N, C-alpha and C. Protein backbone atom coordinates (compact mmCIF):
# COMPACT_ATOMS: atom_id res chain seq x y z
N MET A 1 -135.16 -8.21 113.95
CA MET A 1 -136.20 -8.08 113.39
C MET A 1 -136.59 -6.42 112.65
N SER A 2 -136.98 -6.80 111.29
CA SER A 2 -137.27 -5.70 110.56
C SER A 2 -138.81 -5.15 111.10
N PRO A 3 -138.66 -3.59 110.70
CA PRO A 3 -140.02 -2.85 111.09
C PRO A 3 -140.90 -3.47 110.23
N SER A 4 -142.19 -3.43 110.53
CA SER A 4 -143.19 -4.02 109.99
C SER A 4 -144.22 -2.85 109.11
N ARG A 5 -144.54 -3.43 108.12
CA ARG A 5 -145.54 -2.63 107.24
C ARG A 5 -146.92 -3.02 107.64
N THR A 6 -147.84 -2.16 107.27
CA THR A 6 -149.30 -2.06 107.30
C THR A 6 -150.30 -1.44 106.17
N LYS A 7 -151.20 -2.12 105.78
CA LYS A 7 -151.91 -1.49 104.62
C LYS A 7 -153.48 -1.93 105.10
N ALA A 8 -154.19 -0.51 105.15
CA ALA A 8 -155.51 -0.54 105.21
C ALA A 8 -156.58 -1.50 104.17
N VAL A 9 -157.09 -2.12 104.49
CA VAL A 9 -158.06 -2.85 103.44
C VAL A 9 -159.49 -2.77 103.84
N GLY A 10 -160.02 -2.54 102.91
CA GLY A 10 -161.71 -2.55 103.06
C GLY A 10 -162.54 -3.71 102.68
N LEU A 11 -163.44 -4.15 102.87
CA LEU A 11 -164.37 -4.99 102.56
C LEU A 11 -165.36 -4.42 101.21
N ASN A 12 -165.17 -5.12 100.05
CA ASN A 12 -165.92 -4.90 99.01
C ASN A 12 -167.26 -5.34 99.07
N ILE A 13 -168.34 -4.80 100.00
CA ILE A 13 -169.77 -4.85 99.96
C ILE A 13 -170.50 -3.99 99.24
N LEU A 14 -171.40 -4.47 98.15
CA LEU A 14 -171.80 -3.72 97.29
C LEU A 14 -173.30 -3.09 97.70
N PRO A 15 -173.59 -2.03 97.55
CA PRO A 15 -174.92 -1.35 97.98
C PRO A 15 -175.86 -1.75 96.70
N ALA A 16 -177.17 -1.75 97.12
CA ALA A 16 -178.18 -2.15 96.15
C ALA A 16 -177.82 -1.40 94.95
N PRO A 17 -178.47 -2.10 94.00
CA PRO A 17 -178.34 -1.59 92.51
C PRO A 17 -178.95 -0.15 92.49
N GLY A 18 -178.96 0.61 91.63
CA GLY A 18 -179.73 1.71 91.34
C GLY A 18 -181.27 1.45 90.94
N PRO A 19 -181.72 2.49 91.01
CA PRO A 19 -183.26 2.32 90.55
C PRO A 19 -183.72 1.48 89.21
N ILE A 20 -184.77 0.66 89.39
CA ILE A 20 -185.03 0.01 88.00
C ILE A 20 -185.73 0.82 87.29
N THR A 21 -185.62 0.79 85.86
CA THR A 21 -186.25 1.54 85.06
C THR A 21 -187.29 0.43 84.20
N GLY A 22 -188.46 0.89 83.95
CA GLY A 22 -189.34 0.10 83.07
C GLY A 22 -190.63 0.50 83.45
N PRO A 23 -191.69 0.16 82.31
CA PRO A 23 -193.04 0.35 82.42
C PRO A 23 -193.65 -0.44 83.94
N LEU A 24 -194.44 0.65 84.39
CA LEU A 24 -194.84 0.25 85.90
C LEU A 24 -196.46 -0.05 85.74
N THR A 25 -197.25 0.38 84.84
CA THR A 25 -198.65 0.18 84.73
C THR A 25 -199.20 -0.20 83.48
N GLY A 26 -200.37 -0.73 83.59
CA GLY A 26 -200.59 -1.23 82.12
C GLY A 26 -200.16 -2.49 81.87
N MET A 27 -199.50 -3.46 82.67
CA MET A 27 -198.79 -4.32 82.26
C MET A 27 -199.58 -5.81 82.02
N CYS A 28 -200.89 -5.65 82.30
CA CYS A 28 -201.84 -6.83 81.66
C CYS A 28 -201.67 -7.28 80.53
N ASN A 29 -201.47 -8.64 80.20
CA ASN A 29 -201.35 -9.13 78.85
C ASN A 29 -200.25 -8.81 77.82
N VAL A 30 -199.14 -8.16 78.45
CA VAL A 30 -198.00 -7.40 77.72
C VAL A 30 -196.96 -8.05 77.73
N THR A 31 -196.38 -8.59 76.43
CA THR A 31 -195.03 -9.30 76.10
C THR A 31 -193.80 -8.27 75.91
N GLY A 32 -192.50 -8.53 76.45
CA GLY A 32 -191.59 -8.25 76.01
C GLY A 32 -191.24 -6.75 76.59
N ALA A 33 -191.92 -6.58 78.01
CA ALA A 33 -191.63 -5.43 78.98
C ALA A 33 -189.99 -5.62 79.39
N VAL A 34 -189.48 -4.33 79.06
CA VAL A 34 -187.81 -4.35 79.43
C VAL A 34 -187.66 -3.44 80.60
N TYR A 35 -186.79 -4.19 81.54
CA TYR A 35 -186.63 -3.64 82.89
C TYR A 35 -185.03 -3.24 83.00
N SER A 36 -184.52 -2.35 83.47
CA SER A 36 -183.04 -2.30 83.44
C SER A 36 -182.47 -1.43 84.62
N ILE A 37 -181.24 -1.61 85.02
CA ILE A 37 -180.58 -0.65 85.79
C ILE A 37 -179.34 -0.48 85.22
N THR A 38 -178.50 0.74 85.83
CA THR A 38 -177.17 1.19 85.54
C THR A 38 -176.18 0.17 86.10
N PRO A 39 -175.25 -0.17 85.02
CA PRO A 39 -174.09 -1.14 85.64
C PRO A 39 -173.54 -0.39 86.88
N MET A 40 -172.99 -1.36 87.70
CA MET A 40 -172.74 -1.13 89.31
C MET A 40 -170.96 -1.44 89.01
N VAL A 41 -170.19 -0.42 89.57
CA VAL A 41 -168.86 -0.34 89.72
C VAL A 41 -168.74 -1.56 90.86
N GLY A 42 -167.76 -2.51 90.74
CA GLY A 42 -167.72 -3.92 91.32
C GLY A 42 -168.44 -4.96 91.45
N ALA A 43 -169.63 -4.86 90.59
CA ALA A 43 -170.58 -5.77 90.46
C ALA A 43 -170.14 -6.71 89.16
N ASN A 44 -169.92 -8.04 89.49
CA ASN A 44 -169.43 -9.11 88.39
C ASN A 44 -170.74 -9.43 87.52
N SER A 45 -172.02 -9.68 88.38
CA SER A 45 -173.39 -9.98 87.66
C SER A 45 -174.36 -9.29 88.57
N TYR A 46 -175.60 -9.99 87.94
CA TYR A 46 -176.88 -9.68 88.70
C TYR A 46 -177.83 -10.55 88.80
N GLN A 47 -178.48 -10.76 89.78
CA GLN A 47 -179.52 -11.81 89.55
C GLN A 47 -181.06 -10.78 90.02
N TRP A 48 -181.97 -11.30 88.57
CA TRP A 48 -183.27 -10.76 88.58
C TRP A 48 -184.28 -11.83 88.84
N SER A 49 -185.26 -11.45 89.61
CA SER A 49 -186.64 -12.09 89.80
C SER A 49 -187.94 -11.31 89.51
N VAL A 50 -189.00 -12.06 89.07
CA VAL A 50 -190.21 -11.53 88.98
C VAL A 50 -191.20 -12.12 89.90
N VAL A 51 -192.25 -11.58 90.50
CA VAL A 51 -193.61 -11.87 90.91
C VAL A 51 -194.59 -11.77 89.93
N ASN A 52 -195.24 -13.14 89.62
CA ASN A 52 -196.31 -12.95 88.70
C ASN A 52 -196.08 -12.76 87.39
N GLY A 53 -194.82 -12.87 86.86
CA GLY A 53 -194.44 -12.67 85.43
C GLY A 53 -193.50 -13.74 85.31
N THR A 54 -193.17 -13.72 84.04
CA THR A 54 -191.94 -14.75 83.36
C THR A 54 -190.84 -14.02 82.78
N ILE A 55 -189.55 -14.36 83.20
CA ILE A 55 -188.44 -13.63 82.54
C ILE A 55 -187.75 -14.39 81.14
N VAL A 56 -187.99 -13.50 80.09
CA VAL A 56 -187.51 -14.49 78.92
C VAL A 56 -186.13 -14.09 78.61
N GLY A 57 -185.12 -14.98 78.56
CA GLY A 57 -183.90 -15.03 78.21
C GLY A 57 -183.30 -15.16 79.51
N SER A 58 -181.86 -14.30 79.49
CA SER A 58 -180.96 -14.25 80.66
C SER A 58 -181.60 -13.40 81.73
N SER A 59 -181.35 -13.74 83.16
CA SER A 59 -181.76 -13.18 84.28
C SER A 59 -180.60 -12.57 85.28
N THR A 60 -179.60 -12.58 84.41
CA THR A 60 -177.92 -12.02 85.07
C THR A 60 -177.35 -10.79 84.48
N GLY A 61 -178.00 -10.39 83.93
CA GLY A 61 -177.42 -9.20 83.23
C GLY A 61 -177.76 -7.78 83.84
N THR A 62 -177.82 -6.46 83.02
CA THR A 62 -178.37 -5.50 83.60
C THR A 62 -179.81 -4.96 83.15
N SER A 63 -180.25 -6.03 82.52
CA SER A 63 -181.50 -5.73 81.95
C SER A 63 -182.36 -7.22 81.77
N ILE A 64 -183.64 -7.19 81.76
CA ILE A 64 -184.33 -8.49 81.36
C ILE A 64 -185.55 -7.96 80.60
N VAL A 65 -186.00 -9.07 80.10
CA VAL A 65 -187.21 -8.89 79.20
C VAL A 65 -188.20 -9.62 80.06
N VAL A 66 -189.58 -9.25 80.10
CA VAL A 66 -190.61 -10.06 81.15
C VAL A 66 -191.93 -9.96 80.31
N ASN A 67 -192.73 -11.05 80.28
CA ASN A 67 -194.13 -11.22 79.92
C ASN A 67 -194.83 -11.36 81.13
N TRP A 68 -196.06 -10.40 80.84
CA TRP A 68 -196.98 -10.44 81.90
C TRP A 68 -198.15 -11.08 81.10
N ASN A 69 -199.03 -11.94 82.12
CA ASN A 69 -200.22 -12.67 81.40
C ASN A 69 -201.41 -11.86 81.49
N ALA A 70 -202.63 -12.44 81.18
CA ALA A 70 -203.61 -11.74 80.79
C ALA A 70 -204.32 -11.65 82.25
N SER A 71 -204.27 -12.25 83.23
CA SER A 71 -204.76 -12.07 84.41
C SER A 71 -204.02 -11.37 85.24
N PHE A 72 -202.81 -10.93 84.91
CA PHE A 72 -201.67 -10.03 85.61
C PHE A 72 -202.62 -8.86 86.52
N ALA A 73 -202.30 -8.56 87.61
CA ALA A 73 -203.10 -7.57 88.55
C ALA A 73 -201.90 -6.57 89.08
N THR A 74 -201.08 -7.30 89.72
CA THR A 74 -199.92 -6.64 90.45
C THR A 74 -198.82 -7.58 90.61
N GLY A 75 -197.44 -7.08 90.46
CA GLY A 75 -196.34 -8.18 90.92
C GLY A 75 -195.10 -7.21 91.26
N THR A 76 -194.02 -7.87 91.16
CA THR A 76 -192.51 -7.10 91.42
C THR A 76 -191.57 -7.49 90.36
N VAL A 77 -190.57 -6.72 90.32
CA VAL A 77 -189.50 -6.92 89.72
C VAL A 77 -188.25 -6.67 90.58
N SER A 78 -187.41 -7.65 90.84
CA SER A 78 -186.33 -7.31 91.79
C SER A 78 -185.17 -7.73 91.04
N VAL A 79 -183.89 -7.23 91.79
CA VAL A 79 -182.75 -7.43 91.33
C VAL A 79 -181.75 -7.15 92.31
N TYR A 80 -180.48 -8.15 92.50
CA TYR A 80 -179.42 -7.55 93.53
C TYR A 80 -178.20 -7.95 92.59
N ALA A 81 -177.27 -7.25 92.97
CA ALA A 81 -175.55 -7.34 92.54
C ALA A 81 -174.89 -8.38 93.00
N ILE A 82 -173.81 -9.02 92.26
CA ILE A 82 -173.22 -9.98 92.97
C ILE A 82 -171.89 -9.68 92.69
N ASN A 83 -170.76 -9.97 93.51
CA ASN A 83 -169.35 -9.95 93.42
C ASN A 83 -168.74 -10.92 94.18
N GLY A 84 -167.27 -10.88 94.23
CA GLY A 84 -166.51 -12.14 94.88
C GLY A 84 -166.73 -11.96 96.29
N CYS A 85 -167.31 -10.82 97.01
CA CYS A 85 -167.61 -10.97 98.33
C CYS A 85 -169.02 -11.10 98.78
N GLY A 86 -169.86 -11.24 97.88
CA GLY A 86 -171.27 -11.82 98.24
C GLY A 86 -172.46 -11.14 97.22
N ILE A 87 -173.39 -10.76 97.98
CA ILE A 87 -174.54 -10.09 97.28
C ILE A 87 -174.88 -8.97 97.78
N SER A 88 -175.58 -8.06 97.11
CA SER A 88 -176.08 -6.65 97.76
C SER A 88 -177.31 -6.70 98.07
N THR A 89 -177.82 -5.86 98.72
CA THR A 89 -179.17 -5.86 99.09
C THR A 89 -180.15 -5.80 98.04
N LEU A 90 -181.51 -5.99 98.20
CA LEU A 90 -182.28 -6.23 97.10
C LEU A 90 -182.94 -5.13 96.65
N ARG A 91 -182.95 -4.46 95.29
CA ARG A 91 -183.89 -3.21 94.67
C ARG A 91 -184.96 -4.03 94.06
N THR A 92 -186.06 -3.47 94.39
CA THR A 92 -187.51 -4.00 94.44
C THR A 92 -188.32 -2.90 93.45
N LEU A 93 -188.91 -3.26 92.45
CA LEU A 93 -190.30 -2.09 91.88
C LEU A 93 -191.58 -2.92 91.44
N THR A 94 -192.67 -2.21 92.05
CA THR A 94 -194.03 -2.95 92.18
C THR A 94 -194.40 -2.40 90.73
N VAL A 95 -195.25 -3.31 89.94
CA VAL A 95 -195.76 -3.12 88.68
C VAL A 95 -197.13 -3.62 88.79
N THR A 96 -197.98 -3.22 88.07
CA THR A 96 -199.58 -3.26 88.11
C THR A 96 -199.83 -3.69 86.77
N GLY A 97 -201.19 -4.45 86.78
CA GLY A 97 -201.66 -4.46 85.81
C GLY A 97 -202.58 -3.27 84.87
N PRO A 98 -203.54 -2.81 85.80
CA PRO A 98 -204.40 -1.92 85.39
C PRO A 98 -203.44 -0.39 84.90
N PRO A 99 -204.24 0.02 83.93
CA PRO A 99 -203.54 1.52 83.52
C PRO A 99 -203.46 2.49 84.42
N ALA A 100 -202.55 3.40 84.21
CA ALA A 100 -202.47 4.27 85.16
C ALA A 100 -203.60 5.47 85.12
N GLN A 101 -203.95 6.12 85.98
CA GLN A 101 -205.12 7.42 85.94
C GLN A 101 -204.54 8.22 84.55
N PRO A 102 -205.39 8.70 83.83
CA PRO A 102 -204.80 9.54 82.55
C PRO A 102 -204.44 10.92 83.13
N SER A 103 -203.61 11.78 82.34
CA SER A 103 -203.27 12.98 82.59
C SER A 103 -204.35 14.01 82.71
N ILE A 104 -204.18 15.13 83.09
CA ILE A 104 -205.09 16.22 83.12
C ILE A 104 -205.88 16.48 81.89
N ILE A 105 -207.19 16.67 81.87
CA ILE A 105 -207.73 16.66 80.40
C ILE A 105 -207.40 17.98 79.67
N SER A 106 -207.12 18.35 78.60
CA SER A 106 -206.56 19.41 78.08
C SER A 106 -207.76 20.03 77.06
N GLY A 107 -208.09 21.16 76.97
CA GLY A 107 -209.07 21.71 76.01
C GLY A 107 -209.70 22.84 76.69
N PRO A 108 -210.53 23.40 75.93
CA PRO A 108 -211.27 24.85 76.59
C PRO A 108 -212.40 24.32 77.85
N VAL A 109 -212.31 25.42 78.46
CA VAL A 109 -213.13 25.76 79.79
C VAL A 109 -214.43 26.37 79.54
N ASN A 110 -214.37 27.57 78.97
CA ASN A 110 -215.79 28.22 78.51
C ASN A 110 -215.88 28.01 77.02
N VAL A 111 -216.95 27.42 76.65
CA VAL A 111 -217.45 27.21 75.35
C VAL A 111 -218.72 27.69 74.73
N CYS A 112 -218.83 27.69 73.65
CA CYS A 112 -220.38 28.38 73.16
C CYS A 112 -221.00 27.05 72.58
N THR A 113 -222.15 27.28 72.53
CA THR A 113 -223.25 26.05 72.28
C THR A 113 -223.15 25.77 70.88
N ASN A 114 -222.49 26.40 69.97
CA ASN A 114 -222.47 26.10 68.69
C ASN A 114 -221.14 26.15 67.90
N GLY A 115 -220.27 25.44 68.96
CA GLY A 115 -218.91 25.26 68.41
C GLY A 115 -218.34 23.75 68.49
N ASN A 116 -217.32 23.75 67.95
CA ASN A 116 -216.93 22.28 67.71
C ASN A 116 -215.55 22.49 68.86
N PHE A 117 -215.31 21.43 69.75
CA PHE A 117 -214.08 21.69 70.77
C PHE A 117 -213.65 20.44 70.99
N GLN A 118 -212.15 20.27 71.11
CA GLN A 118 -211.46 18.96 71.04
C GLN A 118 -211.04 19.01 72.61
N TYR A 119 -210.77 18.02 72.98
CA TYR A 119 -210.41 17.60 74.20
C TYR A 119 -209.32 16.24 74.38
N SER A 120 -208.24 16.35 74.95
CA SER A 120 -207.57 15.37 75.04
C SER A 120 -206.71 14.91 76.32
N VAL A 121 -206.19 13.72 76.43
CA VAL A 121 -205.50 13.37 77.38
C VAL A 121 -203.77 12.81 76.86
N GLY A 122 -203.06 12.50 77.62
CA GLY A 122 -201.83 12.09 77.23
C GLY A 122 -202.14 10.48 76.73
N THR A 123 -201.32 9.75 76.37
CA THR A 123 -201.40 8.27 75.79
C THR A 123 -201.01 7.69 77.44
N VAL A 124 -201.99 6.50 77.67
CA VAL A 124 -201.53 5.95 78.94
C VAL A 124 -200.97 4.62 78.30
N THR A 125 -199.89 4.04 78.81
CA THR A 125 -199.26 3.05 78.67
C THR A 125 -200.29 1.76 79.19
N GLY A 126 -200.68 0.76 78.17
CA GLY A 126 -201.39 -0.16 78.53
C GLY A 126 -203.18 -0.13 78.44
N ALA A 127 -203.30 1.12 78.01
CA ALA A 127 -204.97 1.27 77.85
C ALA A 127 -205.31 0.98 76.54
N MET A 128 -206.10 0.01 76.46
CA MET A 128 -206.94 -0.46 75.27
C MET A 128 -208.10 0.52 74.66
N GLN A 129 -208.41 1.28 75.56
CA GLN A 129 -209.42 2.27 75.05
C GLN A 129 -209.80 3.29 75.89
N TYR A 130 -210.30 4.48 75.95
CA TYR A 130 -210.50 5.26 76.57
C TYR A 130 -211.89 5.72 76.73
N ASN A 131 -212.68 5.92 77.86
CA ASN A 131 -214.15 5.89 78.08
C ASN A 131 -214.43 7.39 78.41
N TRP A 132 -214.94 8.13 77.34
CA TRP A 132 -215.23 9.94 77.72
C TRP A 132 -216.96 9.96 78.32
N THR A 133 -217.28 10.90 78.89
CA THR A 133 -218.40 11.03 79.12
C THR A 133 -218.43 12.57 79.34
N VAL A 134 -219.82 13.04 78.96
CA VAL A 134 -220.18 14.57 78.96
C VAL A 134 -221.53 14.53 79.88
N PRO A 135 -221.51 15.64 80.73
CA PRO A 135 -222.67 16.03 81.88
C PRO A 135 -223.79 15.46 81.16
N SER A 136 -224.76 14.62 81.88
CA SER A 136 -226.22 14.37 81.20
C SER A 136 -227.06 15.53 81.37
N ASN A 137 -226.83 16.44 81.79
CA ASN A 137 -228.00 17.41 81.77
C ASN A 137 -227.48 18.73 80.64
N CYS A 138 -226.52 18.51 79.69
CA CYS A 138 -225.94 19.02 78.72
C CYS A 138 -226.79 18.91 77.44
N ASN A 139 -227.78 19.48 77.15
CA ASN A 139 -228.66 19.45 75.82
C ASN A 139 -228.36 19.52 74.51
N HIS A 140 -227.29 20.73 74.83
CA HIS A 140 -226.47 20.93 73.29
C HIS A 140 -225.14 20.46 73.19
N CYS A 141 -224.69 19.67 73.92
CA CYS A 141 -223.45 18.49 73.79
C CYS A 141 -223.57 17.75 72.65
N LYS A 142 -222.83 17.54 71.84
CA LYS A 142 -222.64 16.34 70.79
C LYS A 142 -221.47 15.77 70.97
N TRP A 143 -221.34 14.52 70.76
CA TRP A 143 -220.22 13.78 71.01
C TRP A 143 -219.73 12.94 69.82
N THR A 144 -218.44 13.43 69.44
CA THR A 144 -218.02 12.73 68.49
C THR A 144 -216.48 12.02 68.60
N ARG A 145 -216.32 10.85 68.14
CA ARG A 145 -215.15 10.37 68.66
C ARG A 145 -213.99 10.48 67.52
N ASN A 146 -212.87 10.82 68.12
CA ASN A 146 -211.34 11.00 67.16
C ASN A 146 -210.41 10.50 68.03
N GLN A 147 -209.99 9.21 67.92
CA GLN A 147 -209.24 8.69 68.73
C GLN A 147 -208.06 7.94 67.85
N SER A 148 -206.90 8.53 67.88
CA SER A 148 -205.92 7.91 67.18
C SER A 148 -205.10 6.76 67.88
N ASN A 149 -205.64 6.30 69.10
CA ASN A 149 -204.70 5.13 69.79
C ASN A 149 -205.14 3.97 69.56
């Protein structure tokens, strides 16, 4: 009898895909929202699913296109990787319909009664309008709207 040979073999189980990138808020009545992941070594394909939305086109690549309807409030985008040994664990991203809270208001803090001062916030994805208010007890405050969104 000849001497035997051995070789260590590992099971090629896939981890969950990396983070899903794409818009998170303000998705009410949005079409063409793109969600994607970085390709994984060892994965042959992917399987995407959405809750409360519709995938447009393929759901087996590293990215998908989703349409969210007008009554959308909240949902999820999920994906798992597939190879010859099976499927990975699921990666999920929560998506909401209402826009995110605006960023901190920028503009001067100490002002004179006879000046014009501009205040702004960053663009909020999915926002259709911005509602601004000034203190009701400010008799010298004048309001003009200059909105580029």
